Structures are given as structure tokens and as C-alpha cells.
Protein backbone atom coordinates (compact mmCIF):
# COMPACT_ATOMS: atom_id res chain seq x y z
CA MET A 1 59.38 36.19 35.27
CA LYS A 2 62.84 37.98 34.79
CA LYS A 3 62.75 40.58 32.04
CA PRO A 4 65.37 40.88 29.35
CA ASN A 5 67.84 43.59 29.82
CA ARG A 6 66.59 46.05 27.14
CA PHE A 7 67.63 49.71 26.60
CA LEU A 8 64.34 51.19 25.87
CA SER A 9 61.47 49.04 26.78
CA GLY A 10 63.17 48.11 30.12
CA LYS A 11 62.34 51.76 31.18
CA ILE A 12 58.60 51.68 30.32
CA ALA A 13 55.91 50.97 32.70
CA PHE A 14 53.13 49.49 30.59
CA PRO A 15 49.77 50.43 31.65
CA ASP A 16 48.81 46.70 31.97
CA GLU A 17 50.08 43.17 31.65
CA GLN A 18 48.11 42.55 28.42
CA GLN A 19 49.95 45.56 26.55
CA GLU A 20 53.35 44.31 28.07
CA LYS A 21 52.45 40.77 26.45
CA GLU A 22 51.46 42.37 23.03
CA PHE A 23 54.75 44.22 22.90
CA GLU A 24 56.80 41.27 23.82
CA SER A 25 55.10 39.53 21.15
CA VAL A 26 55.58 42.13 18.57
CA LEU A 27 59.10 42.38 19.56
CA ALA A 28 59.81 38.61 19.35
CA ARG A 29 58.23 38.57 15.87
CA LEU A 30 60.43 41.63 14.71
CA THR A 31 63.39 39.97 16.31
CA ALA A 32 62.87 36.68 14.44
CA ASP A 33 62.16 38.50 11.26
CA ARG A 34 65.03 41.10 11.23
CA ARG A 35 67.56 39.01 13.23
CA PRO A 36 69.41 41.98 14.83
CA VAL A 37 73.05 41.47 16.23
CA GLY A 38 74.45 43.62 18.79
CA PHE A 39 73.24 46.58 20.92
CA ALA A 40 72.55 49.24 18.16
CA GLU A 41 70.52 46.83 16.01
CA GLU A 42 68.44 45.56 18.93
CA THR A 43 67.68 49.17 20.05
CA GLN A 44 66.31 49.80 16.43
CA VAL A 45 64.17 46.63 16.67
CA GLU A 46 62.80 47.95 20.05
CA ILE A 47 61.91 51.25 18.47
CA MET A 48 60.15 49.62 15.66
CA ALA A 49 58.20 47.43 18.05
CA LEU A 50 57.24 50.43 20.27
CA SER A 51 56.33 52.27 17.32
CA MET A 52 54.16 49.42 15.96
CA LEU A 53 52.41 49.03 19.45
CA SER A 54 51.77 52.97 19.41
CA MET A 55 50.15 52.58 15.82
CA CYS A 56 47.77 49.89 16.94
CA ASP A 57 46.51 51.97 19.74
CA LEU A 58 46.20 55.02 17.31
CA HIS A 59 44.29 52.98 14.72
CA ALA A 60 41.70 52.09 17.51
CA TRP A 61 41.59 55.67 18.47
CA GLU A 62 41.15 56.85 14.93
CA PHE A 63 38.11 54.60 14.24
CA ALA A 64 36.57 55.87 17.50
CA ALA A 65 36.92 59.35 16.67
CA VAL A 66 35.56 58.76 13.00
CA SER A 67 32.56 57.15 14.60
CA ASN A 68 32.18 60.02 17.03
CA ARG A 69 32.57 62.44 14.29
CA THR A 70 29.91 60.76 12.25
CA ASN A 71 27.46 60.64 15.09
CA SER A 72 28.09 64.14 16.10
CA LEU A 73 27.49 65.47 12.57
CA VAL A 74 24.07 63.75 12.37
CA ALA A 75 23.15 65.44 15.73
CA MET A 76 24.50 68.92 14.78
CA GLN A 77 22.58 68.44 11.38
CA ALA A 78 19.37 67.72 13.14
CA ILE A 79 20.04 70.93 15.23
CA ILE A 80 20.49 73.14 12.37
CA GLU A 81 17.53 71.68 10.49
CA ASN A 82 15.23 72.44 13.57
CA GLY A 83 16.45 76.12 13.62
CA GLY A 84 18.46 75.72 16.49
CA SER A 85 21.57 77.29 15.47
CA ARG A 86 22.29 78.96 18.77
CA GLU A 87 22.41 75.51 20.26
CA LEU A 88 24.93 74.17 17.70
CA LEU A 89 28.20 75.24 19.35
CA ARG A 90 27.03 73.95 22.67
CA GLU A 91 26.06 70.64 21.17
CA ALA A 92 29.20 70.51 19.30
CA THR A 93 31.19 70.90 22.46
CA LYS A 94 29.14 68.24 24.31
CA GLN A 95 30.17 65.86 21.51
CA GLY A 96 33.92 66.37 21.87
CA TRP A 97 34.58 69.00 19.30
CA GLN A 98 36.92 71.78 20.32
CA VAL A 99 36.62 75.44 19.01
CA ARG A 100 39.92 76.08 17.19
CA GLU A 101 39.04 79.64 16.22
CA LEU A 102 36.08 81.77 17.00
CA SER A 103 35.53 85.15 14.99
CA CYS A 104 32.60 87.67 15.12
CA ARG A 105 31.88 90.03 12.77
CA THR A 106 29.13 92.58 11.54
CA ILE A 107 27.56 92.09 8.17
CA THR A 108 26.16 95.05 6.47
CA ARG A 109 24.05 95.42 3.31
CA SER A 110 22.76 98.55 1.60
CA MET A 111 19.12 98.93 1.32
CA GLY A 112 17.89 98.62 -2.24
CA GLU A 113 15.00 100.69 -3.62
CA ASP A 114 12.52 97.90 -2.55
CA ASP A 115 13.44 98.08 0.89
CA ASP A 116 12.49 101.87 1.16
CA LEU A 117 10.18 101.70 4.09
CA LEU A 118 10.76 104.69 5.76
CA ASP A 119 12.59 108.09 4.59
CA ASP A 120 14.34 108.64 7.89
CA MET A 121 15.73 105.00 8.25
CA THR A 122 19.26 104.23 7.94
CA ASP A 123 20.55 103.16 4.50
CA LYS A 124 22.20 100.15 5.98
CA ILE A 125 21.08 97.08 7.83
CA ALA A 126 23.59 95.20 10.02
CA ASN A 127 23.51 91.42 10.96
CA PHE A 128 26.08 90.02 13.46
CA ALA A 129 27.72 86.73 12.49
CA VAL A 130 29.72 84.38 14.42
CA GLU A 131 32.05 81.85 12.61
CA ALA A 132 33.51 79.09 14.64
CA LYS A 133 36.11 76.66 13.22
CA LEU A 134 35.77 73.25 15.14
CA THR A 135 38.18 70.24 15.34
CA ASP A 136 37.92 66.98 17.13
CA ARG A 137 40.45 64.68 18.38
CA LEU A 138 40.71 62.91 14.95
CA ASP A 139 43.03 65.66 13.87
CA LEU A 140 45.27 64.93 16.79
CA VAL A 141 45.05 61.22 16.49
CA LEU A 142 46.10 61.36 12.83
CA ARG A 143 49.22 63.60 13.47
CA TYR A 144 50.36 61.07 16.29
CA LYS A 145 49.72 58.27 13.94
CA ALA A 146 51.92 59.91 11.20
CA ALA A 147 54.60 60.48 13.85
CA ALA A 148 54.57 56.79 14.99
CA GLN A 149 54.78 55.66 11.43
CA ARG A 150 57.71 57.92 10.68
CA GLN A 151 59.46 56.80 13.71
CA TYR A 152 58.96 53.26 12.65
CA TYR A 153 60.28 53.76 9.14
CA ARG A 154 63.32 55.79 10.44
CA ALA A 155 64.09 52.86 12.91
CA LEU A 156 63.75 50.42 9.95
CA ALA A 157 66.09 52.42 7.72
CA ALA A 158 68.64 52.72 10.63
CA LEU A 159 68.45 48.95 11.19
CA LEU A 160 69.14 48.33 7.49
CA ALA A 161 72.08 50.54 7.39
CA LEU A 162 73.66 49.14 10.45
CA GLN A 163 72.97 45.69 9.08
CA ARG A 164 74.54 46.61 5.72
CA GLU A 165 77.36 47.97 7.47
CA ARG A 166 77.96 44.87 9.71
CA ILE A 167 77.79 42.52 6.68
CA GLU A 168 80.22 44.72 4.64
CA LEU A 169 82.74 44.82 7.73
CA ASP A 170 82.21 40.95 7.94
CA GLN A 171 83.04 40.39 4.13
CA LEU A 172 85.90 42.73 4.47
CA GLN A 173 87.11 40.86 7.36
CA ALA A 174 86.95 37.65 5.73
CA LEU A 175 88.74 38.95 2.72
CA ASN A 176 91.58 40.05 5.11
CA GLY A 177 91.96 36.63 6.71
CA GLY A 178 90.46 37.66 9.93
CA GLU A 179 92.37 40.70 10.60
CA ARG A 180 90.79 44.10 11.57
């Protein structure tokens, strides 16, 4: 099958034939809906179709990430309840979470009068605390999804501006009797 000569999508190697068919379907529907005329308008419709295809994939990834987050939080809660806080970080990384920030600090507290066990014992007790800020791929997927949505709406705004300009030029040309 001979592909139409497209500026953007003609350069894309789709991972499989199914995704290419989905793109062609979305592009055909958008073309019928928006009726682009000329290269610039057709390119904006292509950008919109590519953005929509990306958003579909990102929606699927988002739902998978939310499901994984729910399952991993249940597993990590069970570890905490069973007193295995040392295993928590290991289990979190197995579940696909990534450590964004890791900080270690010493926590000290002064001994009170009730804690006076030995006269020669130090007056401070120290504990070691490790704090890990975790993130999973949901954060990344949501950023990509927001970028794809912005790209779609920018292309739509550009398309509408081009169409307004074309219509105004056509009306002006009709008023001037076909002269440019």
C-alpha cells in the first residue's frame, strides 16, 4: 500500500502495523472533522493525531502504574506491620519504585530524670534515621501525558488560527473581485 506523502508521520517507524492503523484511523477522523487545506494545516492535523496516539498509550501506562502503586503499597504496608522496616526499601525497589532522595541523620534526645540509670552514662541517647523519598513511574507518565496534551492543544490552536487566516483572505479576495 502506498503511503500518502506526509511531512511528519512519513518519517515515523511505527512499532507495529496495528499502531500504524490506529494512527491512520485517528488522522482520517481528524482530517474529516477539521478539513485542513494546504501544507501548514495538514501538518497541524498530523501533530494532533500523533499527540492523540501518544495520549492513548500514556493513559494505558497511567492505569498500569496506578495498579502497580496500589499493589506495591499493600505489600510495603504488610512489611511495615510485620516489623520488617529494613526490608522496606528493598521491596519498594523490587516493586518498581525508585529512590529520588536518600538522607541519613542522627536523632538525639536528652535523657530525662526518669531515664537516670547510671550516673556516669552520657546525657544523650542517639538513634540513626534513614529517610527515603520514593517515586514510581506514575510521576513520569503524568508529565509525559501533560506534555502530549499541551502539544495537542497548541496544534489545535495553530490550526484554528491558520483556518481563520485562510477564510479571512478568501473573503478579502472575494470582495476585491478575485485580486490578490
